[in-house]
Amino acid sequence: MGIVKISDLMHENLRVAGNALSRSINAQAEHWMRVGMLAEMHPELNHRDICQLLIRAELAGGLDLAGALSGQPGKPGAALADAH
């Protein structure tokens, strides 16, 4: 766990989006970071595809960047490497 400094405007955006989607500010920030990370790793995927990857990763034990990039079977998130 760590502290990330963000602008007041981004904090307000997180608060509004989090309230609208029944998430805490931290949960909303983490969601946006996961979606953004996957969008950068897989620019060919759209938002729906990325959401499906997140669901598959959760079912496999959670999103693990190292596992996703290595494609090692049995590592949480490894399904992301083969998903597209």
N, C-alpha and C. Protein backbone atom coordinates (compact mmCIF):
# COMPACT_ATOMS: atom_id res chain seq x y z
N MET A 1 0.84 -1.17 0.00
CA MET A 1 0.00 0.00 0.00
C MET A 1 0.89 1.23 0.00
N GLY A 2 0.43 2.27 -0.64
CA GLY A 2 1.21 3.49 -0.71
C GLY A 2 0.31 4.69 -0.87
N ILE A 3 0.92 5.82 -0.95
CA ILE A 3 0.19 7.07 -1.13
C ILE A 3 0.52 7.60 -2.52
N VAL A 4 -0.51 7.98 -3.24
CA VAL A 4 -0.35 8.57 -4.56
C VAL A 4 -0.94 9.97 -4.50
N LYS A 5 -0.15 10.96 -4.88
CA LYS A 5 -0.65 12.34 -4.88
C LYS A 5 -1.33 12.60 -6.22
N ILE A 6 -2.55 13.12 -6.14
CA ILE A 6 -3.31 13.48 -7.34
C ILE A 6 -3.85 14.89 -7.17
N SER A 7 -4.27 15.48 -8.26
CA SER A 7 -4.81 16.84 -8.22
C SER A 7 -6.17 16.84 -7.51
N ASP A 8 -6.55 18.01 -7.05
CA ASP A 8 -7.86 18.17 -6.42
C ASP A 8 -8.98 17.84 -7.41
N LEU A 9 -8.79 18.23 -8.67
CA LEU A 9 -9.81 17.94 -9.68
C LEU A 9 -9.96 16.44 -9.90
N MET A 10 -8.86 15.71 -9.98
CA MET A 10 -8.94 14.26 -10.16
C MET A 10 -9.60 13.61 -8.95
N HIS A 11 -9.28 14.11 -7.75
CA HIS A 11 -9.92 13.58 -6.54
C HIS A 11 -11.42 13.78 -6.59
N GLU A 12 -11.84 14.95 -7.04
CA GLU A 12 -13.28 15.22 -7.16
C GLU A 12 -13.90 14.31 -8.23
N ASN A 13 -13.21 14.11 -9.34
CA ASN A 13 -13.72 13.20 -10.38
C ASN A 13 -13.87 11.79 -9.83
N LEU A 14 -12.90 11.34 -9.04
CA LEU A 14 -12.98 10.02 -8.41
C LEU A 14 -14.15 9.94 -7.45
N ARG A 15 -14.36 11.00 -6.68
CA ARG A 15 -15.45 11.01 -5.72
C ARG A 15 -16.80 10.90 -6.43
N VAL A 16 -16.98 11.69 -7.49
CA VAL A 16 -18.25 11.68 -8.23
C VAL A 16 -18.47 10.32 -8.89
N ALA A 17 -17.46 9.81 -9.61
CA ALA A 17 -17.60 8.52 -10.28
C ALA A 17 -17.80 7.39 -9.28
N GLY A 18 -17.05 7.43 -8.17
CA GLY A 18 -17.19 6.41 -7.14
C GLY A 18 -18.58 6.39 -6.54
N ASN A 19 -19.11 7.57 -6.24
CA ASN A 19 -20.48 7.64 -5.70
C ASN A 19 -21.49 7.09 -6.71
N ALA A 20 -21.33 7.47 -7.97
CA ALA A 20 -22.27 7.03 -8.99
C ALA A 20 -22.24 5.51 -9.19
N LEU A 21 -21.06 4.91 -8.99
CA LEU A 21 -20.90 3.48 -9.23
C LEU A 21 -20.79 2.67 -7.94
N SER A 22 -21.15 3.29 -6.82
CA SER A 22 -21.14 2.61 -5.51
C SER A 22 -19.76 2.06 -5.16
N ARG A 23 -18.73 2.85 -5.42
CA ARG A 23 -17.36 2.47 -5.07
C ARG A 23 -16.78 3.55 -4.18
N SER A 24 -15.83 3.16 -3.35
CA SER A 24 -15.08 4.15 -2.58
C SER A 24 -14.17 4.91 -3.54
N ILE A 25 -13.63 6.03 -3.08
CA ILE A 25 -12.69 6.78 -3.90
C ILE A 25 -11.49 5.91 -4.25
N ASN A 26 -10.97 5.18 -3.28
CA ASN A 26 -9.82 4.30 -3.54
C ASN A 26 -10.18 3.19 -4.53
N ALA A 27 -11.35 2.58 -4.36
CA ALA A 27 -11.76 1.52 -5.28
C ALA A 27 -11.94 2.05 -6.70
N GLN A 28 -12.49 3.26 -6.83
CA GLN A 28 -12.66 3.85 -8.16
C GLN A 28 -11.31 4.14 -8.79
N ALA A 29 -10.37 4.69 -8.01
CA ALA A 29 -9.03 4.96 -8.53
C ALA A 29 -8.36 3.68 -8.98
N GLU A 30 -8.46 2.63 -8.17
CA GLU A 30 -7.84 1.36 -8.53
C GLU A 30 -8.48 0.78 -9.79
N HIS A 31 -9.79 0.91 -9.93
CA HIS A 31 -10.47 0.42 -11.14
C HIS A 31 -9.94 1.15 -12.37
N TRP A 32 -9.88 2.48 -12.29
CA TRP A 32 -9.39 3.25 -13.43
C TRP A 32 -7.94 2.91 -13.74
N MET A 33 -7.13 2.65 -12.72
CA MET A 33 -5.73 2.28 -12.96
C MET A 33 -5.63 0.93 -13.65
N ARG A 34 -6.43 -0.04 -13.21
CA ARG A 34 -6.41 -1.36 -13.85
C ARG A 34 -6.83 -1.27 -15.31
N VAL A 35 -7.93 -0.54 -15.56
CA VAL A 35 -8.42 -0.39 -16.94
C VAL A 35 -7.36 0.31 -17.78
N GLY A 36 -6.77 1.37 -17.26
CA GLY A 36 -5.73 2.09 -18.00
C GLY A 36 -4.51 1.25 -18.27
N MET A 37 -4.09 0.47 -17.27
CA MET A 37 -2.92 -0.39 -17.44
C MET A 37 -3.18 -1.41 -18.55
N LEU A 38 -4.36 -2.03 -18.51
CA LEU A 38 -4.68 -3.03 -19.53
C LEU A 38 -4.85 -2.39 -20.90
N ALA A 39 -5.39 -1.17 -20.95
CA ALA A 39 -5.52 -0.47 -22.24
C ALA A 39 -4.15 -0.19 -22.84
N GLU A 40 -3.17 0.14 -22.00
CA GLU A 40 -1.81 0.36 -22.51
C GLU A 40 -1.15 -0.94 -22.93
N MET A 41 -1.39 -2.02 -22.19
CA MET A 41 -0.80 -3.32 -22.51
C MET A 41 -1.45 -3.94 -23.75
N HIS A 42 -2.73 -3.65 -23.96
CA HIS A 42 -3.50 -4.26 -25.05
C HIS A 42 -4.28 -3.17 -25.81
N PRO A 43 -3.61 -2.33 -26.57
CA PRO A 43 -4.29 -1.22 -27.24
C PRO A 43 -5.32 -1.67 -28.27
N GLU A 44 -5.27 -2.91 -28.66
CA GLU A 44 -6.24 -3.41 -29.65
C GLU A 44 -7.60 -3.74 -29.03
N LEU A 45 -7.69 -3.75 -27.71
CA LEU A 45 -8.93 -4.12 -27.03
C LEU A 45 -9.78 -2.90 -26.71
N ASN A 46 -11.10 -3.10 -26.74
CA ASN A 46 -12.01 -2.03 -26.34
C ASN A 46 -12.37 -2.19 -24.86
N HIS A 47 -13.15 -1.28 -24.34
CA HIS A 47 -13.49 -1.28 -22.91
C HIS A 47 -14.20 -2.58 -22.51
N ARG A 48 -15.11 -3.05 -23.33
CA ARG A 48 -15.83 -4.30 -23.03
C ARG A 48 -14.85 -5.47 -22.91
N ASP A 49 -13.91 -5.56 -23.84
CA ASP A 49 -12.91 -6.63 -23.79
C ASP A 49 -12.05 -6.54 -22.53
N ILE A 50 -11.68 -5.31 -22.16
CA ILE A 50 -10.87 -5.13 -20.96
C ILE A 50 -11.65 -5.55 -19.72
N CYS A 51 -12.94 -5.21 -19.66
CA CYS A 51 -13.77 -5.64 -18.52
C CYS A 51 -13.85 -7.16 -18.46
N GLN A 52 -13.95 -7.81 -19.59
CA GLN A 52 -13.97 -9.27 -19.61
C GLN A 52 -12.64 -9.84 -19.12
N LEU A 53 -11.53 -9.20 -19.50
CA LEU A 53 -10.22 -9.64 -19.00
C LEU A 53 -10.15 -9.51 -17.49
N LEU A 54 -10.67 -8.42 -16.95
CA LEU A 54 -10.67 -8.22 -15.51
C LEU A 54 -11.48 -9.30 -14.80
N ILE A 55 -12.60 -9.67 -15.37
CA ILE A 55 -13.43 -10.72 -14.77
C ILE A 55 -12.71 -12.06 -14.82
N ARG A 56 -12.11 -12.38 -15.98
CA ARG A 56 -11.35 -13.64 -16.08
C ARG A 56 -10.18 -13.66 -15.10
N ALA A 57 -9.49 -12.54 -14.97
CA ALA A 57 -8.37 -12.46 -14.04
C ALA A 57 -8.84 -12.67 -12.61
N GLU A 58 -9.98 -12.09 -12.25
CA GLU A 58 -10.52 -12.26 -10.90
C GLU A 58 -10.87 -13.71 -10.64
N LEU A 59 -11.47 -14.37 -11.62
CA LEU A 59 -11.81 -15.79 -11.47
C LEU A 59 -10.56 -16.66 -11.36
N ALA A 60 -9.44 -16.19 -11.93
CA ALA A 60 -8.19 -16.94 -11.88
C ALA A 60 -7.37 -16.60 -10.65
N GLY A 61 -7.88 -15.74 -9.78
CA GLY A 61 -7.17 -15.43 -8.54
C GLY A 61 -6.72 -13.99 -8.41
N GLY A 62 -7.03 -13.16 -9.37
CA GLY A 62 -6.68 -11.75 -9.28
C GLY A 62 -5.70 -11.33 -10.35
N LEU A 63 -5.66 -10.04 -10.60
CA LEU A 63 -4.79 -9.48 -11.64
C LEU A 63 -3.37 -9.35 -11.13
N ASP A 64 -2.45 -10.03 -11.80
CA ASP A 64 -1.03 -9.98 -11.44
C ASP A 64 -0.27 -9.60 -12.69
N LEU A 65 0.32 -8.43 -12.70
CA LEU A 65 1.01 -7.93 -13.89
C LEU A 65 2.12 -8.87 -14.34
N ALA A 66 2.91 -9.39 -13.41
CA ALA A 66 4.01 -10.29 -13.77
C ALA A 66 3.47 -11.56 -14.42
N GLY A 67 2.41 -12.11 -13.87
CA GLY A 67 1.80 -13.32 -14.44
C GLY A 67 1.18 -13.04 -15.80
N ALA A 68 0.56 -11.88 -15.94
CA ALA A 68 -0.07 -11.52 -17.21
C ALA A 68 0.96 -11.38 -18.32
N LEU A 69 2.10 -10.80 -17.99
CA LEU A 69 3.13 -10.59 -19.01
C LEU A 69 3.91 -11.86 -19.33
N SER A 70 4.11 -12.72 -18.32
CA SER A 70 4.89 -13.93 -18.55
C SER A 70 4.07 -15.04 -19.19
N GLY A 71 2.74 -15.01 -18.96
CA GLY A 71 1.89 -16.06 -19.49
C GLY A 71 2.10 -17.39 -18.81
N GLN A 72 2.69 -17.40 -17.61
CA GLN A 72 2.94 -18.64 -16.91
C GLN A 72 1.64 -19.23 -16.39
N PRO A 73 1.35 -20.49 -16.73
CA PRO A 73 0.14 -21.13 -16.24
C PRO A 73 0.14 -21.16 -14.73
N GLY A 74 -1.04 -20.99 -14.15
CA GLY A 74 -1.19 -21.08 -12.72
C GLY A 74 -0.96 -19.79 -11.97
N LYS A 75 -0.38 -18.79 -12.64
CA LYS A 75 -0.18 -17.50 -11.98
C LYS A 75 -1.43 -16.66 -12.20
N PRO A 76 -1.96 -16.04 -11.14
CA PRO A 76 -3.12 -15.17 -11.32
C PRO A 76 -2.84 -14.13 -12.38
N GLY A 77 -3.79 -13.97 -13.29
CA GLY A 77 -3.64 -13.00 -14.36
C GLY A 77 -2.99 -13.56 -15.60
N ALA A 78 -2.48 -14.78 -15.54
CA ALA A 78 -1.82 -15.37 -16.71
C ALA A 78 -2.79 -15.53 -17.87
N ALA A 79 -4.07 -15.67 -17.57
CA ALA A 79 -5.08 -15.80 -18.61
C ALA A 79 -5.12 -14.56 -19.50
N LEU A 80 -4.66 -13.42 -19.00
CA LEU A 80 -4.65 -12.20 -19.79
C LEU A 80 -3.73 -12.31 -20.99
N ALA A 81 -2.64 -13.03 -20.85
CA ALA A 81 -1.68 -13.16 -21.94
C ALA A 81 -2.26 -13.91 -23.12
N ASP A 82 -3.21 -14.82 -22.87
CA ASP A 82 -3.80 -15.64 -23.92
C ASP A 82 -5.19 -15.16 -24.34
N ALA A 83 -5.69 -14.10 -23.75
CA ALA A 83 -7.10 -13.74 -23.89
C ALA A 83 -7.46 -13.16 -25.25
N HIS A 84 -6.52 -12.69 -26.01
CA HIS A 84 -6.87 -12.08 -27.29
C HIS A 84 -6.19 -12.72 -28.42
